Amino acid sequence: MVAAAFTVDLDKPLVFQVGHLEEQYQEWVHQPIVSKEGPRFFENDVLEFWNLIKLFSTPSTTPGLFGGGLLGYVIYDCTHYYLHHGQPSSDPAKHLKKYHLNHHFRIQTKGFGITSTLWDHVFGTLPSTKAADKST
């Protein structure tokens, strides 16, 4: 069975469209986006990243907010890479690697925290441990 090719509509929010690309995603994501205003990620203006930046920034704080956001993302991405490919020697890093790989290979619907379990506690997505699973 061959699925019909999906075309992304740049006049609509991207967030709910890219999942339909399936195997075409890798090719699509490396193509330039040509539009007058740039891509929209969400339908709601409040959720748009750029509107949040405009809301909290002034001309003097914009470089700091941008740089801080960029640095935060790079640290997150390096941590994510390390959790997949590194050999941690300290207990916190070993725990985080086990926690993250548990998300990928055991319970994919929980444990979304990559660098911390904080938001999994907040949103109730903390996975159960193997010991808790055995006792039930």
N, C-alpha and C. Protein backbone atom coordinates (compact mmCIF):
# COMPACT_ATOMS: atom_id res chain seq x y z
N MET A 1 0.84 -1.17 0.00
CA MET A 1 0.00 0.00 0.00
C MET A 1 0.88 1.23 0.00
N VAL A 2 0.65 2.13 -0.90
CA VAL A 2 1.45 3.34 -1.02
C VAL A 2 0.62 4.51 -0.52
N ALA A 3 1.18 5.25 0.44
CA ALA A 3 0.48 6.42 0.97
C ALA A 3 0.65 7.60 0.02
N ALA A 4 -0.38 8.41 -0.10
CA ALA A 4 -0.30 9.60 -0.94
C ALA A 4 0.67 10.59 -0.30
N ALA A 5 1.40 11.32 -1.13
CA ALA A 5 2.36 12.30 -0.63
C ALA A 5 1.62 13.42 0.10
N PHE A 6 2.17 13.83 1.24
CA PHE A 6 1.57 14.89 2.03
C PHE A 6 2.33 16.17 1.77
N THR A 7 1.62 17.27 1.56
CA THR A 7 2.23 18.56 1.32
C THR A 7 1.95 19.48 2.51
N VAL A 8 3.00 20.09 3.03
CA VAL A 8 2.84 21.01 4.16
C VAL A 8 2.32 22.33 3.63
N ASP A 9 1.26 22.84 4.26
CA ASP A 9 0.67 24.12 3.91
C ASP A 9 1.28 25.19 4.82
N LEU A 10 2.13 26.07 4.26
CA LEU A 10 2.82 27.07 5.06
C LEU A 10 1.90 28.16 5.58
N ASP A 11 0.67 28.20 5.14
CA ASP A 11 -0.30 29.17 5.66
C ASP A 11 -0.98 28.64 6.92
N LYS A 12 -0.70 27.41 7.29
CA LYS A 12 -1.28 26.81 8.49
C LYS A 12 -0.16 26.48 9.47
N PRO A 13 -0.49 26.32 10.76
CA PRO A 13 0.54 25.99 11.75
C PRO A 13 1.26 24.68 11.42
N LEU A 14 2.58 24.68 11.60
CA LEU A 14 3.40 23.51 11.24
C LEU A 14 3.29 22.37 12.24
N VAL A 15 3.08 22.69 13.51
CA VAL A 15 3.20 21.69 14.56
C VAL A 15 2.34 20.45 14.33
N PHE A 16 1.15 20.61 13.77
CA PHE A 16 0.28 19.46 13.58
C PHE A 16 0.35 18.89 12.17
N GLN A 17 1.26 19.40 11.35
CA GLN A 17 1.37 18.90 9.99
C GLN A 17 2.57 17.98 9.78
N VAL A 18 3.68 18.27 10.45
CA VAL A 18 4.92 17.55 10.14
C VAL A 18 4.84 16.06 10.44
N GLY A 19 3.98 15.66 11.38
CA GLY A 19 3.83 14.24 11.69
C GLY A 19 3.27 13.44 10.52
N HIS A 20 2.54 14.11 9.63
CA HIS A 20 1.95 13.43 8.47
C HIS A 20 2.96 13.17 7.36
N LEU A 21 4.14 13.78 7.48
CA LEU A 21 5.15 13.60 6.44
C LEU A 21 5.77 12.21 6.48
N GLU A 22 5.76 11.59 7.65
CA GLU A 22 6.34 10.27 7.86
C GLU A 22 7.77 10.19 7.32
N GLU A 23 8.05 9.32 6.38
CA GLU A 23 9.42 9.15 5.89
C GLU A 23 9.92 10.33 5.06
N GLN A 24 9.00 11.17 4.60
CA GLN A 24 9.40 12.35 3.82
C GLN A 24 9.92 13.47 4.73
N TYR A 25 9.76 13.32 6.05
CA TYR A 25 10.16 14.38 6.98
C TYR A 25 11.63 14.74 6.85
N GLN A 26 12.51 13.75 6.78
CA GLN A 26 13.95 14.02 6.72
C GLN A 26 14.32 14.87 5.50
N GLU A 27 13.66 14.63 4.40
CA GLU A 27 13.92 15.44 3.21
C GLU A 27 13.31 16.83 3.37
N TRP A 28 12.08 16.90 3.88
CA TRP A 28 11.38 18.18 4.01
C TRP A 28 12.07 19.12 4.98
N VAL A 29 12.54 18.61 6.12
CA VAL A 29 13.09 19.46 7.17
C VAL A 29 14.38 20.17 6.72
N HIS A 30 15.04 19.66 5.69
CA HIS A 30 16.27 20.28 5.21
C HIS A 30 16.05 21.22 4.03
N GLN A 31 14.81 21.47 3.69
CA GLN A 31 14.49 22.39 2.60
C GLN A 31 14.22 23.78 3.18
N PRO A 32 14.58 24.85 2.47
CA PRO A 32 14.29 26.20 2.97
C PRO A 32 12.78 26.47 2.95
N ILE A 33 12.32 27.22 3.94
CA ILE A 33 10.92 27.63 3.99
C ILE A 33 10.82 29.02 3.40
N VAL A 34 10.08 29.15 2.31
CA VAL A 34 9.94 30.42 1.64
C VAL A 34 8.53 30.94 1.90
N SER A 35 8.44 31.98 2.72
CA SER A 35 7.16 32.62 2.98
C SER A 35 7.42 34.06 3.40
N LYS A 36 6.41 34.89 3.31
CA LYS A 36 6.58 36.32 3.61
C LYS A 36 6.86 36.55 5.09
N GLU A 37 6.17 35.85 5.97
CA GLU A 37 6.27 36.14 7.39
C GLU A 37 7.01 35.08 8.20
N GLY A 38 7.50 34.05 7.59
CA GLY A 38 8.13 32.98 8.34
C GLY A 38 7.09 31.98 8.78
N PRO A 39 7.51 30.82 9.23
CA PRO A 39 6.54 29.77 9.57
C PRO A 39 5.81 30.05 10.88
N ARG A 40 4.60 29.57 10.97
CA ARG A 40 3.83 29.58 12.22
C ARG A 40 3.90 28.16 12.77
N PHE A 41 4.10 28.07 14.05
CA PHE A 41 4.16 26.75 14.67
C PHE A 41 2.83 26.36 15.29
N PHE A 42 2.09 27.36 15.82
CA PHE A 42 0.82 27.11 16.49
C PHE A 42 -0.25 28.03 15.93
N GLU A 43 -1.51 27.64 16.10
CA GLU A 43 -2.65 28.46 15.68
C GLU A 43 -2.81 29.66 16.62
N ASN A 44 -2.57 29.44 17.90
CA ASN A 44 -2.76 30.44 18.93
C ASN A 44 -1.56 31.40 18.98
N ASP A 45 -1.81 32.71 18.90
CA ASP A 45 -0.73 33.70 18.92
C ASP A 45 0.06 33.68 20.23
N VAL A 46 -0.60 33.32 21.34
CA VAL A 46 0.08 33.31 22.63
C VAL A 46 1.19 32.26 22.65
N LEU A 47 0.97 31.14 21.97
CA LEU A 47 1.95 30.05 21.99
C LEU A 47 3.13 30.27 21.04
N GLU A 48 3.01 31.21 20.14
CA GLU A 48 4.09 31.46 19.19
C GLU A 48 5.33 31.98 19.93
N PHE A 49 6.44 31.35 19.73
CA PHE A 49 7.70 31.69 20.41
C PHE A 49 8.08 33.15 20.22
N TRP A 50 7.98 33.63 19.01
CA TRP A 50 8.43 35.01 18.73
C TRP A 50 7.58 36.03 19.45
N ASN A 51 6.28 35.75 19.62
CA ASN A 51 5.43 36.67 20.36
C ASN A 51 5.79 36.68 21.84
N LEU A 52 6.20 35.54 22.37
CA LEU A 52 6.66 35.51 23.76
C LEU A 52 7.93 36.32 23.93
N ILE A 53 8.84 36.22 22.97
CA ILE A 53 10.07 37.01 23.03
C ILE A 53 9.74 38.50 23.00
N LYS A 54 8.85 38.89 22.08
CA LYS A 54 8.46 40.31 21.99
C LYS A 54 7.80 40.78 23.28
N LEU A 55 7.05 39.92 23.93
CA LEU A 55 6.35 40.28 25.16
C LEU A 55 7.33 40.57 26.30
N PHE A 56 8.39 39.78 26.41
CA PHE A 56 9.31 39.90 27.54
C PHE A 56 10.59 40.67 27.25
N SER A 57 10.78 41.14 26.03
CA SER A 57 12.07 41.74 25.73
C SER A 57 11.95 43.22 25.40
N THR A 58 13.07 43.87 25.59
CA THR A 58 13.27 45.26 25.15
C THR A 58 14.49 45.22 24.26
N PRO A 59 14.78 46.31 23.55
CA PRO A 59 15.98 46.28 22.70
C PRO A 59 17.26 45.94 23.47
N SER A 60 17.32 46.30 24.74
CA SER A 60 18.55 46.01 25.50
C SER A 60 18.57 44.58 26.06
N THR A 61 17.41 43.93 26.24
CA THR A 61 17.40 42.57 26.79
C THR A 61 17.31 41.48 25.74
N THR A 62 16.94 41.84 24.52
CA THR A 62 16.76 40.83 23.46
C THR A 62 18.01 39.98 23.23
N PRO A 63 19.21 40.59 23.11
CA PRO A 63 20.40 39.73 22.89
C PRO A 63 20.62 38.74 24.04
N GLY A 64 20.39 39.16 25.27
CA GLY A 64 20.56 38.26 26.41
C GLY A 64 19.55 37.13 26.41
N LEU A 65 18.29 37.45 26.10
CA LEU A 65 17.25 36.41 26.03
C LEU A 65 17.54 35.43 24.91
N PHE A 66 17.92 35.96 23.76
CA PHE A 66 18.23 35.08 22.64
C PHE A 66 19.44 34.21 22.94
N GLY A 67 20.50 34.83 23.46
CA GLY A 67 21.72 34.09 23.79
C GLY A 67 21.48 33.05 24.88
N GLY A 68 20.69 33.42 25.89
CA GLY A 68 20.37 32.48 26.96
C GLY A 68 19.56 31.30 26.45
N GLY A 69 18.58 31.59 25.59
CA GLY A 69 17.77 30.52 25.02
C GLY A 69 18.60 29.60 24.15
N LEU A 70 19.48 30.19 23.35
CA LEU A 70 20.35 29.39 22.48
C LEU A 70 21.32 28.54 23.30
N LEU A 71 21.92 29.13 24.32
CA LEU A 71 22.84 28.38 25.19
C LEU A 71 22.10 27.25 25.90
N GLY A 72 20.90 27.54 26.39
CA GLY A 72 20.10 26.50 27.06
C GLY A 72 19.80 25.35 26.13
N TYR A 73 19.47 25.65 24.88
CA TYR A 73 19.18 24.58 23.93
C TYR A 73 20.44 23.76 23.62
N VAL A 74 21.58 24.42 23.46
CA VAL A 74 22.83 23.69 23.16
C VAL A 74 23.20 22.77 24.32
N ILE A 75 23.04 23.26 25.55
CA ILE A 75 23.34 22.42 26.73
C ILE A 75 22.39 21.22 26.77
N TYR A 76 21.11 21.49 26.53
CA TYR A 76 20.13 20.39 26.49
C TYR A 76 20.50 19.37 25.42
N ASP A 77 20.84 19.83 24.22
CA ASP A 77 21.13 18.93 23.11
C ASP A 77 22.40 18.12 23.38
N CYS A 78 23.41 18.75 23.95
CA CYS A 78 24.64 18.02 24.28
C CYS A 78 24.37 16.97 25.36
N THR A 79 23.54 17.31 26.34
CA THR A 79 23.18 16.35 27.38
C THR A 79 22.43 15.17 26.78
N HIS A 80 21.50 15.46 25.89
CA HIS A 80 20.72 14.41 25.23
C HIS A 80 21.64 13.48 24.44
N TYR A 81 22.59 14.05 23.70
CA TYR A 81 23.54 13.24 22.93
C TYR A 81 24.38 12.37 23.88
N TYR A 82 24.86 12.98 24.97
CA TYR A 82 25.69 12.25 25.93
C TYR A 82 24.91 11.08 26.56
N LEU A 83 23.63 11.32 26.86
CA LEU A 83 22.84 10.25 27.47
C LEU A 83 22.68 9.06 26.53
N HIS A 84 22.69 9.30 25.24
CA HIS A 84 22.58 8.21 24.28
C HIS A 84 23.92 7.54 24.01
N HIS A 85 24.98 8.31 23.95
CA HIS A 85 26.25 7.76 23.46
C HIS A 85 27.39 7.75 24.47
N GLY A 86 27.24 8.47 25.59
CA GLY A 86 28.32 8.55 26.58
C GLY A 86 28.29 7.40 27.57
N GLN A 87 29.36 7.29 28.33
CA GLN A 87 29.48 6.29 29.40
C GLN A 87 29.64 7.04 30.71
N PRO A 88 28.55 7.45 31.36
CA PRO A 88 28.67 8.25 32.58
C PRO A 88 29.33 7.47 33.71
N SER A 89 30.10 8.19 34.52
CA SER A 89 30.79 7.54 35.63
C SER A 89 30.23 8.00 36.98
N SER A 90 29.53 9.14 37.02
CA SER A 90 28.97 9.61 38.29
C SER A 90 27.53 9.12 38.44
N ASP A 91 27.08 9.00 39.70
CA ASP A 91 25.74 8.48 39.95
C ASP A 91 24.62 9.32 39.34
N PRO A 92 24.64 10.66 39.45
CA PRO A 92 23.55 11.43 38.84
C PRO A 92 23.45 11.22 37.33
N ALA A 93 24.59 11.18 36.66
CA ALA A 93 24.58 10.98 35.21
C ALA A 93 24.13 9.57 34.84
N LYS A 94 24.54 8.58 35.63
CA LYS A 94 24.10 7.20 35.38
C LYS A 94 22.59 7.10 35.54
N HIS A 95 22.06 7.74 36.59
CA HIS A 95 20.62 7.72 36.82
C HIS A 95 19.88 8.38 35.66
N LEU A 96 20.39 9.53 35.20
CA LEU A 96 19.72 10.24 34.10
C LEU A 96 19.74 9.42 32.82
N LYS A 97 20.86 8.73 32.55
CA LYS A 97 20.94 7.89 31.35
C LYS A 97 19.93 6.75 31.44
N LYS A 98 19.88 6.10 32.59
CA LYS A 98 18.92 5.00 32.79
C LYS A 98 17.49 5.52 32.63
N TYR A 99 17.22 6.69 33.21
CA TYR A 99 15.90 7.31 33.15
C TYR A 99 15.51 7.62 31.70
N HIS A 100 16.44 8.17 30.95
CA HIS A 100 16.15 8.57 29.57
C HIS A 100 16.00 7.34 28.65
N LEU A 101 16.87 6.38 28.79
CA LEU A 101 16.75 5.18 27.95
C LEU A 101 15.49 4.39 28.30
N ASN A 102 15.07 4.48 29.57
CA ASN A 102 13.80 3.88 29.98
C ASN A 102 12.66 4.50 29.18
N HIS A 103 12.73 5.81 28.95
CA HIS A 103 11.72 6.51 28.15
C HIS A 103 11.70 5.99 26.72
N HIS A 104 12.87 5.76 26.15
CA HIS A 104 12.93 5.32 24.74
C HIS A 104 12.55 3.86 24.56
N PHE A 105 12.97 2.98 25.48
CA PHE A 105 12.88 1.55 25.22
C PHE A 105 11.94 0.77 26.14
N ARG A 106 11.41 1.40 27.19
CA ARG A 106 10.53 0.65 28.09
C ARG A 106 9.13 1.27 28.16
N ILE A 107 9.04 2.55 28.50
CA ILE A 107 7.74 3.22 28.63
C ILE A 107 7.83 4.52 27.83
N GLN A 108 7.49 4.47 26.56
CA GLN A 108 7.64 5.63 25.69
C GLN A 108 6.65 6.75 25.99
N THR A 109 5.59 6.47 26.71
CA THR A 109 4.57 7.48 26.97
C THR A 109 4.80 8.25 28.26
N LYS A 110 5.92 8.00 28.93
CA LYS A 110 6.25 8.70 30.18
C LYS A 110 7.75 9.00 30.18
N GLY A 111 8.17 9.83 31.14
CA GLY A 111 9.60 10.10 31.30
C GLY A 111 10.17 11.01 30.22
N PHE A 112 9.52 12.14 29.97
CA PHE A 112 9.95 13.03 28.89
C PHE A 112 11.12 13.94 29.28
N GLY A 113 11.43 14.03 30.57
CA GLY A 113 12.54 14.88 31.00
C GLY A 113 13.86 14.33 30.50
N ILE A 114 14.61 15.14 29.79
CA ILE A 114 15.90 14.70 29.25
C ILE A 114 17.00 15.02 30.24
N THR A 115 17.01 16.24 30.74
CA THR A 115 18.07 16.69 31.64
C THR A 115 17.61 16.76 33.09
N SER A 116 16.32 16.49 33.33
CA SER A 116 15.78 16.58 34.68
C SER A 116 14.45 15.83 34.74
N THR A 117 14.10 15.38 35.94
CA THR A 117 12.80 14.74 36.13
C THR A 117 11.75 15.73 36.63
N LEU A 118 12.14 16.99 36.79
CA LEU A 118 11.25 18.01 37.37
C LEU A 118 9.90 18.07 36.68
N TRP A 119 9.88 18.23 35.36
CA TRP A 119 8.61 18.42 34.66
C TRP A 119 7.79 17.13 34.60
N ASP A 120 8.44 15.99 34.71
CA ASP A 120 7.69 14.74 34.78
C ASP A 120 6.93 14.66 36.11
N HIS A 121 7.53 15.20 37.18
CA HIS A 121 6.81 15.28 38.46
C HIS A 121 5.62 16.23 38.32
N VAL A 122 5.85 17.40 37.72
CA VAL A 122 4.81 18.43 37.60
C VAL A 122 3.64 17.92 36.76
N PHE A 123 3.92 17.29 35.61
CA PHE A 123 2.85 16.89 34.69
C PHE A 123 2.36 15.45 34.89
N GLY A 124 2.90 14.77 35.89
CA GLY A 124 2.43 13.41 36.17
C GLY A 124 2.86 12.39 35.14
N THR A 125 4.01 12.62 34.50
CA THR A 125 4.50 11.67 33.49
C THR A 125 5.72 10.90 34.00
N LEU A 126 5.90 10.87 35.30
CA LEU A 126 7.02 10.14 35.90
C LEU A 126 6.74 8.63 35.75
N PRO A 127 7.61 7.88 35.10
CA PRO A 127 7.36 6.44 34.92
C PRO A 127 7.57 5.69 36.23
N SER A 128 6.90 4.56 36.35
CA SER A 128 7.10 3.70 37.52
C SER A 128 8.44 3.00 37.39
N THR A 129 8.97 2.58 38.51
CA THR A 129 10.24 1.84 38.49
C THR A 129 9.95 0.37 38.29
N LYS A 130 10.99 -0.39 37.92
CA LYS A 130 10.82 -1.84 37.74
C LYS A 130 10.43 -2.50 39.06
N ALA A 131 10.98 -2.00 40.18
CA ALA A 131 10.66 -2.57 41.49
C ALA A 131 9.18 -2.37 41.80
N ALA A 132 8.64 -1.20 41.49
CA ALA A 132 7.21 -0.93 41.72
C ALA A 132 6.34 -1.80 40.82
N ASP A 133 6.80 -2.01 39.58
CA ASP A 133 6.04 -2.86 38.65
C ASP A 133 5.97 -4.30 39.14
N LYS A 134 7.08 -4.82 39.73
CA LYS A 134 7.13 -6.22 40.20
C LYS A 134 6.24 -6.44 41.43
N SER A 135 6.10 -5.39 42.27
CA SER A 135 5.33 -5.56 43.50
C SER A 135 3.82 -5.51 43.27
N THR A 136 3.38 -5.08 42.10
CA THR A 136 1.93 -5.00 41.83
C THR A 136 1.41 -6.23 41.15
